[in-house]
Amino acid sequence: MDIWPTVAALIPSIGVGVLFYVAMRAIVRADRNERAALARLDEEEARAAAAQAAPVREP
């Protein structure tokens, strides 16, 4: 029994699966990085707003 025709038939499907995995991994990583960047930005904005809202006391 020759297995090579079966392997040759499966290679395109495996290749598409690998490409899908790589693309989805890149999308998930980009989303994670974007959420982290937005959280940092929101934190900085909240600190700036709190600093402006805080009353300034002078002795």
PDB file of N, CA and C in Angstrom:
ATOM      1  N   MET A   1       0.844  -1.179   0.000  1.00  0.00           N
ATOM      2  CA  MET A   1       0.000   0.000   0.000  1.00  0.00           C
ATOM      3  C   MET A   1       0.893   1.247   0.000  1.00  0.00           C
ATOM      4  N   ASP A   2       0.615   2.131  -0.928  1.00  0.00           N
ATOM      5  CA  ASP A   2       1.402   3.361  -1.051  1.00  0.00           C
ATOM      6  C   ASP A   2       0.697   4.478  -0.290  1.00  0.00           C
ATOM      7  N   ILE A   3       1.378   5.044   0.699  1.00  0.00           N
ATOM      8  CA  ILE A   3       0.790   6.063   1.562  1.00  0.00           C
ATOM      9  C   ILE A   3       0.983   7.473   1.029  1.00  0.00           C
ATOM     10  N   TRP A   4       1.896   7.668   0.090  1.00  0.00           N
ATOM     11  CA  TRP A   4       2.231   9.009  -0.379  1.00  0.00           C
ATOM     12  C   TRP A   4       1.078   9.752  -1.044  1.00  0.00           C
ATOM     13  N   PRO A   5       0.221   9.109  -1.808  1.00  0.00           N
ATOM     14  CA  PRO A   5      -0.928   9.861  -2.349  1.00  0.00           C
ATOM     15  C   PRO A   5      -1.850  10.387  -1.248  1.00  0.00           C
ATOM     16  N   THR A   6      -1.994   9.622  -0.189  1.00  0.00           N
ATOM     17  CA  THR A   6      -2.819  10.072   0.938  1.00  0.00           C
ATOM     18  C   THR A   6      -2.167  11.265   1.629  1.00  0.00           C
ATOM     19  N   VAL A   7      -0.871  11.203   1.846  1.00  0.00           N
ATOM     20  CA  VAL A   7      -0.149  12.314   2.467  1.00  0.00           C
ATOM     21  C   VAL A   7      -0.232  13.548   1.573  1.00  0.00           C
ATOM     22  N   ALA A   8      -0.067  13.366   0.273  1.00  0.00           N
ATOM     23  CA  ALA A   8      -0.134  14.484  -0.661  1.00  0.00           C
ATOM     24  C   ALA A   8      -1.530  15.115  -0.659  1.00  0.00           C
ATOM     25  N   ALA A   9      -2.560  14.315  -0.446  1.00  0.00           N
ATOM     26  CA  ALA A   9      -3.920  14.856  -0.401  1.00  0.00           C
ATOM     27  C   ALA A   9      -4.177  15.625   0.889  1.00  0.00           C
ATOM     28  N   LEU A  10      -3.495  15.268   1.964  1.00  0.00           N
ATOM     29  CA  LEU A  10      -3.714  15.922   3.255  1.00  0.00           C
ATOM     30  C   LEU A  10      -2.876  17.192   3.438  1.00  0.00           C
ATOM     31  N   ILE A  11      -1.805  17.338   2.707  1.00  0.00           N
ATOM     32  CA  ILE A  11      -0.906  18.480   2.876  1.00  0.00           C
ATOM     33  C   ILE A  11      -1.625  19.828   2.688  1.00  0.00           C
ATOM     34  N   PRO A  12      -2.461  20.015   1.666  1.00  0.00           N
ATOM     35  CA  PRO A  12      -3.141  21.317   1.538  1.00  0.00           C
ATOM     36  C   PRO A  12      -4.028  21.636   2.750  1.00  0.00           C
ATOM     37  N   SER A  13      -4.732  20.657   3.258  1.00  0.00           N
ATOM     38  CA  SER A  13      -5.591  20.883   4.423  1.00  0.00           C
ATOM     39  C   SER A  13      -4.760  21.235   5.652  1.00  0.00           C
ATOM     40  N   ILE A  14      -3.669  20.561   5.835  1.00  0.00           N
ATOM     41  CA  ILE A  14      -2.784  20.854   6.969  1.00  0.00           C
ATOM     42  C   ILE A  14      -2.195  22.252   6.818  1.00  0.00           C
ATOM     43  N   GLY A  15      -1.809  22.620   5.602  1.00  0.00           N
ATOM     44  CA  GLY A  15      -1.265  23.958   5.357  1.00  0.00           C
ATOM     45  C   GLY A  15      -2.281  25.049   5.656  1.00  0.00           C
ATOM     46  N   VAL A  16      -3.526  24.836   5.244  1.00  0.00           N
ATOM     47  CA  VAL A  16      -4.570  25.816   5.526  1.00  0.00           C
ATOM     48  C   VAL A  16      -4.815  25.890   7.030  1.00  0.00           C
ATOM     49  N   GLY A  17      -4.780  24.757   7.700  1.00  0.00           N
ATOM     50  CA  GLY A  17      -4.951  24.750   9.151  1.00  0.00           C
ATOM     51  C   GLY A  17      -3.852  25.516   9.862  1.00  0.00           C
ATOM     52  N   VAL A  18      -2.615  25.353   9.413  1.00  0.00           N
ATOM     53  CA  VAL A  18      -1.487  26.078  10.008  1.00  0.00           C
ATOM     54  C   VAL A  18      -1.629  27.576   9.744  1.00  0.00           C
ATOM     55  N   LEU A  19      -1.994  27.957   8.533  1.00  0.00           N
ATOM     56  CA  LEU A  19      -2.199  29.378   8.223  1.00  0.00           C
ATOM     57  C   LEU A  19      -3.326  29.971   9.076  1.00  0.00           C
ATOM     58  N   PHE A  20      -4.403  29.228   9.254  1.00  0.00           N
ATOM     59  CA  PHE A  20      -5.509  29.698  10.087  1.00  0.00           C
ATOM     60  C   PHE A  20      -5.043  29.887  11.522  1.00  0.00           C
ATOM     61  N   TYR A  21      -4.281  28.936  12.034  1.00  0.00           N
ATOM     62  CA  TYR A  21      -3.766  29.037  13.407  1.00  0.00           C
ATOM     63  C   TYR A  21      -2.883  30.276  13.564  1.00  0.00           C
ATOM     64  N   VAL A  22      -1.988  30.493  12.621  1.00  0.00           N
ATOM     65  CA  VAL A  22      -1.078  31.637  12.701  1.00  0.00           C
ATOM     66  C   VAL A  22      -1.863  32.944  12.624  1.00  0.00           C
ATOM     67  N   ALA A  23      -2.840  33.015  11.736  1.00  0.00           N
ATOM     68  CA  ALA A  23      -3.638  34.235  11.601  1.00  0.00           C
ATOM     69  C   ALA A  23      -4.447  34.496  12.863  1.00  0.00           C
ATOM     70  N   MET A  24      -5.078  33.487  13.416  1.00  0.00           N
ATOM     71  CA  MET A  24      -5.884  33.669  14.627  1.00  0.00           C
ATOM     72  C   MET A  24      -5.003  34.046  15.816  1.00  0.00           C
ATOM     73  N   ARG A  25      -3.824  33.454  15.908  1.00  0.00           N
ATOM     74  CA  ARG A  25      -2.904  33.797  16.989  1.00  0.00           C
ATOM     75  C   ARG A  25      -2.483  35.260  16.895  1.00  0.00           C
ATOM     76  N   ALA A  26      -2.214  35.723  15.671  1.00  0.00           N
ATOM     77  CA  ALA A  26      -1.834  37.124  15.477  1.00  0.00           C
ATOM     78  C   ALA A  26      -2.985  38.061  15.844  1.00  0.00           C
ATOM     79  N   ILE A  27      -4.206  37.692  15.487  1.00  0.00           N
ATOM     80  CA  ILE A  27      -5.370  38.513  15.809  1.00  0.00           C
ATOM     81  C   ILE A  27      -5.575  38.585  17.314  1.00  0.00           C
ATOM     82  N   VAL A  28      -5.472  37.457  17.991  1.00  0.00           N
ATOM     83  CA  VAL A  28      -5.677  37.429  19.444  1.00  0.00           C
ATOM     84  C   VAL A  28      -4.579  38.221  20.150  1.00  0.00           C
ATOM     85  N   ARG A  29      -3.349  38.084  19.711  1.00  0.00           N
ATOM     86  CA  ARG A  29      -2.253  38.855  20.321  1.00  0.00           C
ATOM     87  C   ARG A  29      -2.435  40.340  20.089  1.00  0.00           C
ATOM     88  N   ALA A  30      -2.834  40.734  18.893  1.00  0.00           N
ATOM     89  CA  ALA A  30      -3.054  42.153  18.607  1.00  0.00           C
ATOM     90  C   ALA A  30      -4.183  42.704  19.473  1.00  0.00           C
ATOM     91  N   ASP A  31      -5.238  41.924  19.648  1.00  0.00           N
ATOM     92  CA  ASP A  31      -6.353  42.356  20.487  1.00  0.00           C
ATOM     93  C   ASP A  31      -5.912  42.505  21.937  1.00  0.00           C
ATOM     94  N   ARG A  32      -5.122  41.555  22.416  1.00  0.00           N
ATOM     95  CA  ARG A  32      -4.624  41.620  23.793  1.00  0.00           C
ATOM     96  C   ARG A  32      -3.755  42.854  23.998  1.00  0.00           C
ATOM     97  N   ASN A  33      -2.879  43.117  23.043  1.00  0.00           N
ATOM     98  CA  ASN A  33      -2.006  44.300  23.144  1.00  0.00           C
ATOM     99  C   ASN A  33      -2.810  45.595  23.068  1.00  0.00           C
ATOM    100  N   GLU A  34      -3.825  45.622  22.217  1.00  0.00           N
ATOM    101  CA  GLU A  34      -4.646  46.830  22.105  1.00  0.00           C
ATOM    102  C   GLU A  34      -5.415  47.078  23.402  1.00  0.00           C
ATOM    103  N   ARG A  35      -5.963  46.022  23.993  1.00  0.00           N
ATOM    104  CA  ARG A  35      -6.691  46.187  25.254  1.00  0.00           C
ATOM    105  C   ARG A  35      -5.761  46.676  26.369  1.00  0.00           C
ATOM    106  N   ALA A  36      -4.552  46.169  26.402  1.00  0.00           N
ATOM    107  CA  ALA A  36      -3.588  46.621  27.411  1.00  0.00           C
ATOM    108  C   ALA A  36      -3.230  48.086  27.188  1.00  0.00           C
ATOM    109  N   ALA A  37      -3.041  48.477  25.947  1.00  0.00           N
ATOM    110  CA  ALA A  37      -2.708  49.873  25.651  1.00  0.00           C
ATOM    111  C   ALA A  37      -3.871  50.791  26.010  1.00  0.00           C
ATOM    112  N   LEU A  38      -5.084  50.374  25.725  1.00  0.00           N
ATOM    113  CA  LEU A  38      -6.247  51.191  26.076  1.00  0.00           C
ATOM    114  C   LEU A  38      -6.406  51.297  27.593  1.00  0.00           C
ATOM    115  N   ALA A  39      -6.122  50.223  28.302  1.00  0.00           N
ATOM    116  CA  ALA A  39      -6.202  50.264  29.766  1.00  0.00           C
ATOM    117  C   ALA A  39      -5.172  51.246  30.325  1.00  0.00           C
ATOM    118  N   ARG A  40      -3.955  51.221  29.770  1.00  0.00           N
ATOM    119  CA  ARG A  40      -2.937  52.185  30.213  1.00  0.00           C
ATOM    120  C   ARG A  40      -3.371  53.614  29.916  1.00  0.00           C
ATOM    121  N   LEU A  41      -3.930  53.837  28.736  1.00  0.00           N
ATOM    122  CA  LEU A  41      -4.389  55.170  28.359  1.00  0.00           C
ATOM    123  C   LEU A  41      -5.516  55.636  29.278  1.00  0.00           C
ATOM    124  N   ASP A  42      -6.469  54.756  29.561  1.00  0.00           N
ATOM    125  CA  ASP A  42      -7.563  55.115  30.461  1.00  0.00           C
ATOM    126  C   ASP A  42      -7.046  55.443  31.857  1.00  0.00           C
ATOM    127  N   GLU A  43      -6.060  54.673  32.310  1.00  0.00           N
ATOM    128  CA  GLU A  43      -5.489  54.937  33.635  1.00  0.00           C
ATOM    129  C   GLU A  43      -4.788  56.295  33.667  1.00  0.00           C
ATOM    130  N   GLU A  44      -4.040  56.613  32.622  1.00  0.00           N
ATOM    131  CA  GLU A  44      -3.362  57.907  32.557  1.00  0.00           C
ATOM    132  C   GLU A  44      -4.372  59.058  32.517  1.00  0.00           C
ATOM    133  N   GLU A  45      -5.434  58.882  31.758  1.00  0.00           N
ATOM    134  CA  GLU A  45      -6.464  59.917  31.682  1.00  0.00           C
ATOM    135  C   GLU A  45      -7.163  60.089  33.026  1.00  0.00           C
ATOM    136  N   ALA A  46      -7.412  58.993  33.717  1.00  0.00           N
ATOM    137  CA  ALA A  46      -8.055  59.074  35.029  1.00  0.00           C
ATOM    138  C   ALA A  46      -7.149  59.788  36.029  1.00  0.00           C
ATOM    139  N   ARG A  47      -5.860  59.487  35.972  1.00  0.00           N
ATOM    140  CA  ARG A  47      -4.912  60.175  36.866  1.00  0.00           C
ATOM    141  C   ARG A  47      -4.866  61.672  36.563  1.00  0.00           C
ATOM    142  N   ALA A  48      -4.861  62.017  35.281  1.00  0.00           N
ATOM    143  CA  ALA A  48      -4.819  63.428  34.902  1.00  0.00           C
ATOM    144  C   ALA A  48      -6.096  64.144  35.346  1.00  0.00           C
ATOM    145  N   ALA A  49      -7.222  63.488  35.195  1.00  0.00           N
ATOM    146  CA  ALA A  49      -8.488  64.091  35.608  1.00  0.00           C
ATOM    147  C   ALA A  49      -8.539  64.245  37.121  1.00  0.00           C
ATOM    148  N   ALA A  50      -8.017  63.251  37.835  1.00  0.00           N
ATOM    149  CA  ALA A  50      -8.001  63.333  39.292  1.00  0.00           C
ATOM    150  C   ALA A  50      -7.057  64.430  39.763  1.00  0.00           C
ATOM    151  N   ALA A  51      -5.964  64.610  39.070  1.00  0.00           N
ATOM    152  CA  ALA A  51      -5.006  65.656  39.443  1.00  0.00           C
ATOM    153  C   ALA A  51      -5.605  67.044  39.212  1.00  0.00           C
ATOM    154  N   GLN A  52      -6.386  67.206  38.169  1.00  0.00           N
ATOM    155  CA  GLN A  52      -7.015  68.496  37.895  1.00  0.00           C
ATOM    156  C   GLN A  52      -8.163  68.765  38.860  1.00  0.00           C
ATOM    157  N   ALA A  53      -8.858  67.724  39.276  1.00  0.00           N
ATOM    158  CA  ALA A  53     -10.018  67.887  40.144  1.00  0.00           C
ATOM    159  C   ALA A  53      -9.624  68.069  41.603  1.00  0.00           C
ATOM    160  N   ALA A  54      -8.438  67.642  41.964  1.00  0.00           N
ATOM    161  CA  ALA A  54      -8.006  67.735  43.357  1.00  0.00           C
ATOM    162  C   ALA A  54      -7.804  69.211  43.733  1.00  0.00           C
ATOM    163  N   PRO A  55      -8.320  69.599  44.891  1.00  0.00           N
ATOM    164  CA  PRO A  55      -8.120  70.988  45.305  1.00  0.00           C
ATOM    165  C   PRO A  55      -6.653  71.237  45.672  1.00  0.00           C
ATOM    166  N   VAL A  56      -6.192  72.393  45.337  1.00  0.00           N
ATOM    167  CA  VAL A  56      -4.813  72.760  45.630  1.00  0.00           C
ATOM    168  C   VAL A  56      -4.813  73.519  46.949  1.00  0.00           C
ATOM    169  N   ARG A  57      -4.090  72.991  47.908  1.00  0.00           N
ATOM    170  CA  ARG A  57      -4.015  73.641  49.223  1.00  0.00           C
ATOM    171  C   ARG A  57      -2.692  74.379  49.335  1.00  0.00           C
ATOM    172  N   GLU A  58      -2.789  75.591  49.744  1.00  0.00           N
ATOM    173  CA  GLU A  58      -1.576  76.373  49.966  1.00  0.00           C
ATOM    174  C   GLU A  58      -1.517  76.739  51.431  1.00  0.00           C
ATOM    175  N   PRO A  59      -0.353  76.630  52.045  1.00  0.00           N
ATOM    176  CA  PRO A  59      -0.244  76.938  53.481  1.00  0.00           C
ATOM    177  C   PRO A  59      -0.380  78.407  53.796  1.00  0.00           C
TER     178      PRO A  59
END
